Each structure stands twice: as structure tokens, then as C-alpha cells.
Amino acid sequence: MVIIETFKNGVKTIKVNRPWKKNAFNMEVYKTLTTILNKDANNDKIAVTLLTAVGDYFSSGNDMSTSMQDPDIAMKAVEDMVEAFINYPKLLICIVNGTAIGIGATLVTLCDIVYASDRAVFDTPFLKLGLCVEGTSSFSYPFILGRSVASEVLFLNRKLTAQEACNYGLVSRVIPHSELDEFIKDLHKYGTLSVDNIKRNKAAIMENFKKIYSDCNKREFEVLKECINSEDFSIAVQKFLMRKSKL
């Protein structure tokens, strides 16, 4: 079971559950998250959705070993998942419990509120892997961090600590890791909020961003197709396979 779902008192909790792979997202994770969000969008028993992960990693990014088998299908699965995040009409809170790499570091910007463990690190090694920005980060990172810092993070692979991410506004609050479980339990008090009023207010906010995010998502995947056909990506894949063969 790559995703663990629980529901209690108006709060849905979604946990990525591949700790043996440092919670790398494979096709099953992408498709399951998409299905859950699209289904829960129409379930008005749910007021708040919490997204986190099991273990020491929030996500180590895309699982290259599965996505390379059929890149077109894998890209479509990621694009659909991002769209499900964009269109989710209820309150979506992300709790980054550890290191967040690649898609793990970018999809947080699609959530309404982001909290992070003091052990969290945000890492976007797209250029190093011969890939391009994803998860609408070509818009959201410059918008949140400012263009200069975002370019340093996305192009030069500057890693952000949880506190740095908080200082720049990527994260709302940093939580001591030892207190994270209790903090998540406390978030359940927001399950009593009016679902209808959450939807009204979120729709008012997202009216400013939804088209920008959706257009950005489509544009990023057009660029990603170019990247996958490039020599840079071929070299990165060869290095990945060499590292894997040594394990």
C-alpha cells in the first residue's frame, strides 16, 4: 500500500508510504494521489486534507527506475496529479516531515498551507538530472521566493533548510521534529470548519491562480518532453544506471 488514507472528524490524512524507497513517487503513487484528490473533491464530509509521508523523507522525488520504462505515460501521470492538486476545492495542508526532493519540493506550492519539520530540506536537482522544473515551480518558486533566489534554487540546485524556506515564505511554520506527530493531531480541530465556506473562500483565492497554474503545468511538460529527448538527459540516465548497478 503506497498511500495510507485515514479519515476522522472532517479531516482526511494522506500519507505517502514507500519509506524503503525514501518515498520516491512511482506511477502507483501519482495515480493513487490523483484518484484520491479527485474523489475527495466531491466528498463534503471532508473539510481538510493533510498530506505527509511515512519515515524520514517526505519524498526523494520521481522514481527514475519506473518512469524510464515508459516516459510518455509517466509524464501524463505526473501532469494529471498536478492538475488534481490545482483543482482540489477544500483546504489542503502539507506537512513536510523530512527531505523533499524534486516533485516532493515543488508540489508543496500547490497546497494551501505548508508546515515543515526542522529536519526538512528542499532540494530541486532538475538541471543536474537533465530535466526541467515541474509542479508549476516555474511560476510558484519565483512568485514565492523572488526571481533571484528561485533561480539559484532551480538552476544552481541551492538547497533550502526548513528555516530558510520559512523565511522566504515557502513554509508557514517550522515544527520541532519531536513534536510533529502531536502537531498533526492538533490540526484535526480544523475539521469542524464549514466545508461550504472553505470552498467559497478557496475558490475566491484560486480564481487568481488556477489558470496560471494549469497553463504552467502544460508548458512545463512540453519543455520536459524536449529534455527527455536531449543528450543531457541521456547522460544523466547513464549515470543513474551506473550508480544503481553498484548498489
Protein backbone atom coordinates (compact mmCIF):
# COMPACT_ATOMS: atom_id res chain seq x y z
CA MET A 1 0.00 0.00 0.00
CA VAL A 2 1.91 3.05 -1.28
CA ILE A 3 -0.62 5.51 0.15
CA ILE A 4 -2.20 5.31 3.59
CA GLU A 5 -5.59 7.02 3.94
CA THR A 6 -7.39 7.79 7.20
CA PHE A 7 -10.45 9.91 7.96
CA LYS A 8 -11.59 11.35 11.28
CA ASN A 9 -13.90 14.21 12.23
CA GLY A 10 -13.83 16.04 8.90
CA VAL A 11 -10.10 15.55 8.31
CA LYS A 12 -8.64 13.26 5.66
CA THR A 13 -4.98 12.26 6.13
CA ILE A 14 -2.94 11.05 3.18
CA LYS A 15 0.49 9.54 3.85
CA VAL A 16 2.95 8.53 1.15
CA ASN A 17 4.14 5.10 2.24
CA ARG A 18 7.29 3.98 0.37
CA PRO A 19 9.93 4.50 3.08
CA TRP A 20 12.08 1.69 1.62
CA LYS A 21 12.40 3.94 -1.49
CA LYS A 22 12.68 7.17 0.53
CA ASN A 23 9.10 7.84 -0.61
CA ALA A 24 10.08 8.23 -4.26
CA PHE A 25 6.96 8.77 -6.36
CA ASN A 26 6.29 5.95 -8.83
CA MET A 27 3.34 5.52 -11.21
CA GLU A 28 1.20 4.00 -8.47
CA VAL A 29 1.78 6.98 -6.17
CA TYR A 30 0.95 9.51 -8.90
CA LYS A 31 -2.21 7.71 -9.98
CA THR A 32 -3.39 6.99 -6.43
CA LEU A 33 -2.94 10.60 -5.31
CA THR A 34 -4.82 11.79 -8.41
CA THR A 35 -7.69 9.37 -7.77
CA ILE A 36 -7.93 10.28 -4.07
CA LEU A 37 -7.94 14.05 -4.64
CA ASN A 38 -10.45 13.89 -7.50
CA LYS A 39 -12.75 11.62 -5.47
CA ASP A 40 -12.44 13.61 -2.24
CA ALA A 41 -13.14 16.87 -4.08
CA ASN A 42 -16.79 15.75 -4.21
CA ASN A 43 -16.97 14.38 -0.66
CA ASP A 44 -18.34 17.14 1.55
CA LYS A 45 -17.70 15.15 4.71
CA ILE A 46 -14.08 16.21 4.22
CA ALA A 47 -13.22 19.79 5.19
CA VAL A 48 -9.44 19.50 5.49
CA THR A 49 -6.92 17.20 3.83
CA LEU A 50 -3.49 16.63 5.37
CA LEU A 51 -0.64 15.40 3.17
CA THR A 52 2.53 13.95 4.69
CA ALA A 53 4.69 10.82 4.48
CA VAL A 54 5.96 7.86 6.48
CA GLY A 55 9.59 7.78 7.61
CA ASP A 56 12.48 10.22 7.32
CA TYR A 57 11.75 11.51 3.80
CA PHE A 58 8.78 13.47 2.54
CA SER A 59 9.82 12.36 -0.95
CA SER A 60 13.09 11.66 -2.73
CA GLY A 61 11.41 12.76 -5.97
CA ASN A 62 10.50 10.81 -9.06
CA ASP A 63 11.26 7.08 -9.07
CA MET A 64 13.52 7.00 -12.15
CA SER A 65 13.60 3.20 -12.30
CA THR A 66 9.87 3.05 -13.13
CA SER A 67 9.36 6.31 -15.03
CA MET A 68 12.06 5.45 -17.58
CA GLN A 69 10.10 2.36 -18.69
CA ASP A 70 7.52 4.50 -20.50
CA PRO A 71 8.31 8.23 -20.18
CA ASP A 72 5.16 9.42 -22.00
CA ILE A 73 2.81 7.54 -19.67
CA ALA A 74 4.84 8.65 -16.65
CA MET A 75 4.72 12.31 -17.70
CA LYS A 76 0.95 12.14 -18.22
CA ALA A 77 0.52 10.63 -14.75
CA VAL A 78 2.51 13.49 -13.16
CA GLU A 79 0.66 16.13 -15.17
CA ASP A 80 -2.71 14.67 -14.09
CA MET A 81 -1.64 14.61 -10.44
CA VAL A 82 -0.54 18.26 -10.54
CA GLU A 83 -3.89 19.18 -12.10
CA ALA A 84 -5.71 17.32 -9.29
CA PHE A 85 -3.81 19.42 -6.74
CA ILE A 86 -4.67 22.62 -8.62
CA ASN A 87 -8.37 21.80 -8.75
CA TYR A 88 -8.81 20.47 -5.21
CA PRO A 89 -11.55 22.70 -3.72
CA LYS A 90 -11.05 22.12 0.01
CA LEU A 91 -8.29 23.08 2.45
CA LEU A 92 -5.10 21.18 1.62
CA ILE A 93 -2.35 21.25 4.25
CA CYS A 94 1.07 19.75 3.61
CA ILE A 95 3.30 18.64 6.48
CA VAL A 96 6.84 18.08 5.17
CA ASN A 97 8.23 15.52 7.58
CA GLY A 98 11.73 15.31 6.08
CA THR A 99 13.81 15.83 2.96
CA ALA A 100 11.77 16.86 -0.10
CA ILE A 101 13.46 16.41 -3.49
CA GLY A 102 12.23 17.21 -6.99
CA ILE A 103 8.45 16.79 -7.26
CA GLY A 104 8.40 16.49 -3.46
CA ALA A 105 9.83 20.01 -3.19
CA THR A 106 7.58 21.55 -5.84
CA LEU A 107 4.13 20.09 -5.19
CA VAL A 108 4.11 21.74 -1.75
CA THR A 109 3.45 25.07 -3.50
CA LEU A 110 0.13 23.63 -4.74
CA CYS A 111 -1.07 23.22 -1.15
CA ASP A 112 -2.85 25.97 0.77
CA ILE A 113 -0.65 25.74 3.85
CA VAL A 114 2.79 24.14 4.27
CA TYR A 115 4.37 23.19 7.59
CA ALA A 116 7.79 21.59 7.85
CA SER A 117 9.77 19.56 10.33
CA ASP A 118 13.01 21.24 11.38
CA ARG A 119 14.71 18.29 9.65
CA ALA A 120 13.18 19.14 6.27
CA VAL A 121 15.34 20.17 3.32
CA PHE A 122 14.05 21.34 -0.08
CA ASP A 123 16.17 20.10 -2.98
CA THR A 124 15.49 20.71 -6.71
CA PRO A 125 18.23 19.00 -8.79
CA PHE A 126 16.41 19.31 -12.14
CA LEU A 127 19.30 20.63 -14.23
CA LYS A 128 21.69 18.12 -12.70
CA LEU A 129 19.35 15.35 -13.92
CA GLY A 130 18.90 16.82 -17.40
CA LEU A 131 15.27 17.61 -16.60
CA CYS A 132 13.18 20.77 -16.23
CA VAL A 133 11.22 22.42 -13.46
CA GLU A 134 7.88 20.78 -12.64
CA GLY A 135 4.86 21.03 -10.37
CA THR A 136 4.27 24.63 -11.61
CA SER A 137 7.52 25.68 -9.90
CA SER A 138 8.46 27.77 -12.97
CA PHE A 139 5.78 30.15 -11.69
CA SER A 140 5.35 29.37 -8.00
CA TYR A 141 9.01 29.47 -6.98
CA PRO A 142 9.76 32.92 -8.48
CA PHE A 143 6.39 34.15 -7.18
CA ILE A 144 7.07 32.98 -3.61
CA LEU A 145 10.86 33.21 -3.29
CA GLY A 146 11.58 36.08 -5.68
CA ARG A 147 13.21 35.52 -9.05
CA SER A 148 16.83 35.68 -7.91
CA VAL A 149 16.51 33.17 -5.06
CA ALA A 150 14.24 30.93 -7.15
CA SER A 151 16.79 30.88 -9.98
CA GLU A 152 19.54 29.98 -7.53
CA VAL A 153 17.40 27.15 -6.17
CA LEU A 154 16.12 25.83 -9.52
CA PHE A 155 19.22 26.37 -11.69
CA LEU A 156 22.12 26.09 -9.26
CA ASN A 157 20.45 23.50 -7.01
CA ARG A 158 20.77 25.55 -3.83
CA LYS A 159 19.14 23.51 -1.10
CA LEU A 160 16.85 25.29 1.36
CA THR A 161 16.66 24.31 5.01
CA ALA A 162 13.24 24.32 6.64
CA GLN A 163 14.02 27.64 8.34
CA GLU A 164 15.23 29.24 5.10
CA ALA A 165 12.08 28.01 3.34
CA CYS A 166 10.04 29.58 6.15
CA ASN A 167 11.94 32.87 5.94
CA TYR A 168 11.19 33.08 2.20
CA GLY A 169 7.51 32.19 2.63
CA LEU A 170 7.59 28.70 1.09
CA VAL A 171 6.69 27.28 4.52
CA SER A 172 4.31 28.81 7.08
CA ARG A 173 5.95 27.39 10.19
CA VAL A 174 8.80 25.09 11.23
CA ILE A 175 7.90 22.43 13.78
CA PRO A 176 10.46 20.62 16.01
CA HIS A 177 10.56 17.09 14.64
CA SER A 178 9.90 15.54 18.04
CA GLU A 179 6.61 17.48 18.20
CA LEU A 180 5.44 16.71 14.66
CA ASP A 181 3.01 13.89 15.48
CA GLU A 182 1.32 15.96 18.17
CA PHE A 183 1.17 18.95 15.82
CA ILE A 184 -0.56 16.85 13.16
CA LYS A 185 -3.08 15.59 15.72
CA ASP A 186 -3.84 19.18 16.71
CA LEU A 187 -4.63 20.08 13.08
CA HIS A 188 -7.69 17.84 13.32
CA LYS A 189 -9.50 20.62 15.19
CA TYR A 190 -9.98 22.34 11.83
CA GLY A 191 -12.22 19.51 10.64
CA THR A 192 -15.14 21.39 12.18
CA LEU A 193 -14.79 24.30 9.74
CA SER A 194 -17.69 24.79 7.34
CA VAL A 195 -16.99 22.86 4.14
CA ASP A 196 -19.15 25.20 2.07
CA ASN A 197 -17.39 28.28 3.39
CA ILE A 198 -13.94 26.73 2.83
CA LYS A 199 -14.93 26.04 -0.79
CA ARG A 200 -16.25 29.59 -1.30
CA ASN A 201 -13.14 31.22 0.11
CA LYS A 202 -10.68 28.90 -1.63
CA ALA A 203 -12.47 29.46 -4.95
CA ALA A 204 -12.14 33.22 -4.45
CA ILE A 205 -8.39 32.89 -3.88
CA MET A 206 -7.77 30.32 -6.61
CA GLU A 207 -9.61 32.42 -9.19
CA ASN A 208 -6.39 34.45 -9.26
CA PHE A 209 -4.13 31.44 -9.79
CA LYS A 210 -5.91 28.43 -11.28
CA LYS A 211 -5.47 29.31 -14.97
CA ILE A 212 -1.86 30.39 -14.37
CA TYR A 213 -1.09 27.08 -12.64
CA SER A 214 -2.84 24.96 -15.29
CA ASP A 215 -1.14 26.77 -18.18
CA CYS A 216 2.17 26.48 -16.37
CA ASN A 217 1.67 22.75 -15.82
CA LYS A 218 1.05 22.15 -19.54
CA ARG A 219 4.01 24.34 -20.58
CA GLU A 220 6.42 22.59 -18.19
CA PHE A 221 5.56 19.21 -19.66
CA GLU A 222 6.14 20.44 -23.19
CA VAL A 223 9.62 21.51 -22.08
CA LEU A 224 10.07 18.21 -20.23
CA LYS A 225 9.45 16.30 -23.48
CA GLU A 226 12.31 18.26 -25.05
CA CYS A 227 14.53 17.49 -22.06
CA ILE A 228 13.86 13.75 -22.23
CA ASN A 229 14.98 13.71 -25.86
CA SER A 230 18.16 15.63 -25.07
CA GLU A 231 21.73 14.46 -24.68
CA ASP A 232 21.83 15.92 -21.15
CA PHE A 233 19.08 13.55 -20.04
CA SER A 234 20.72 10.53 -21.73
CA ILE A 235 23.94 11.22 -19.84
CA ALA A 236 22.03 11.64 -16.55
CA VAL A 237 20.23 8.31 -17.11
CA GLN A 238 23.51 6.53 -17.82
CA LYS A 239 24.97 7.89 -14.58
CA PHE A 240 21.83 6.80 -12.70
CA LEU A 241 22.03 3.27 -14.10
CA MET A 242 25.73 3.06 -13.26
CA ARG A 243 25.06 4.09 -9.66
CA LYS A 244 22.22 1.57 -9.42
CA SER A 245 24.41 -1.27 -10.74
CA LYS A 246 26.95 -0.61 -7.98
CA LEU A 247 24.37 -0.95 -5.20
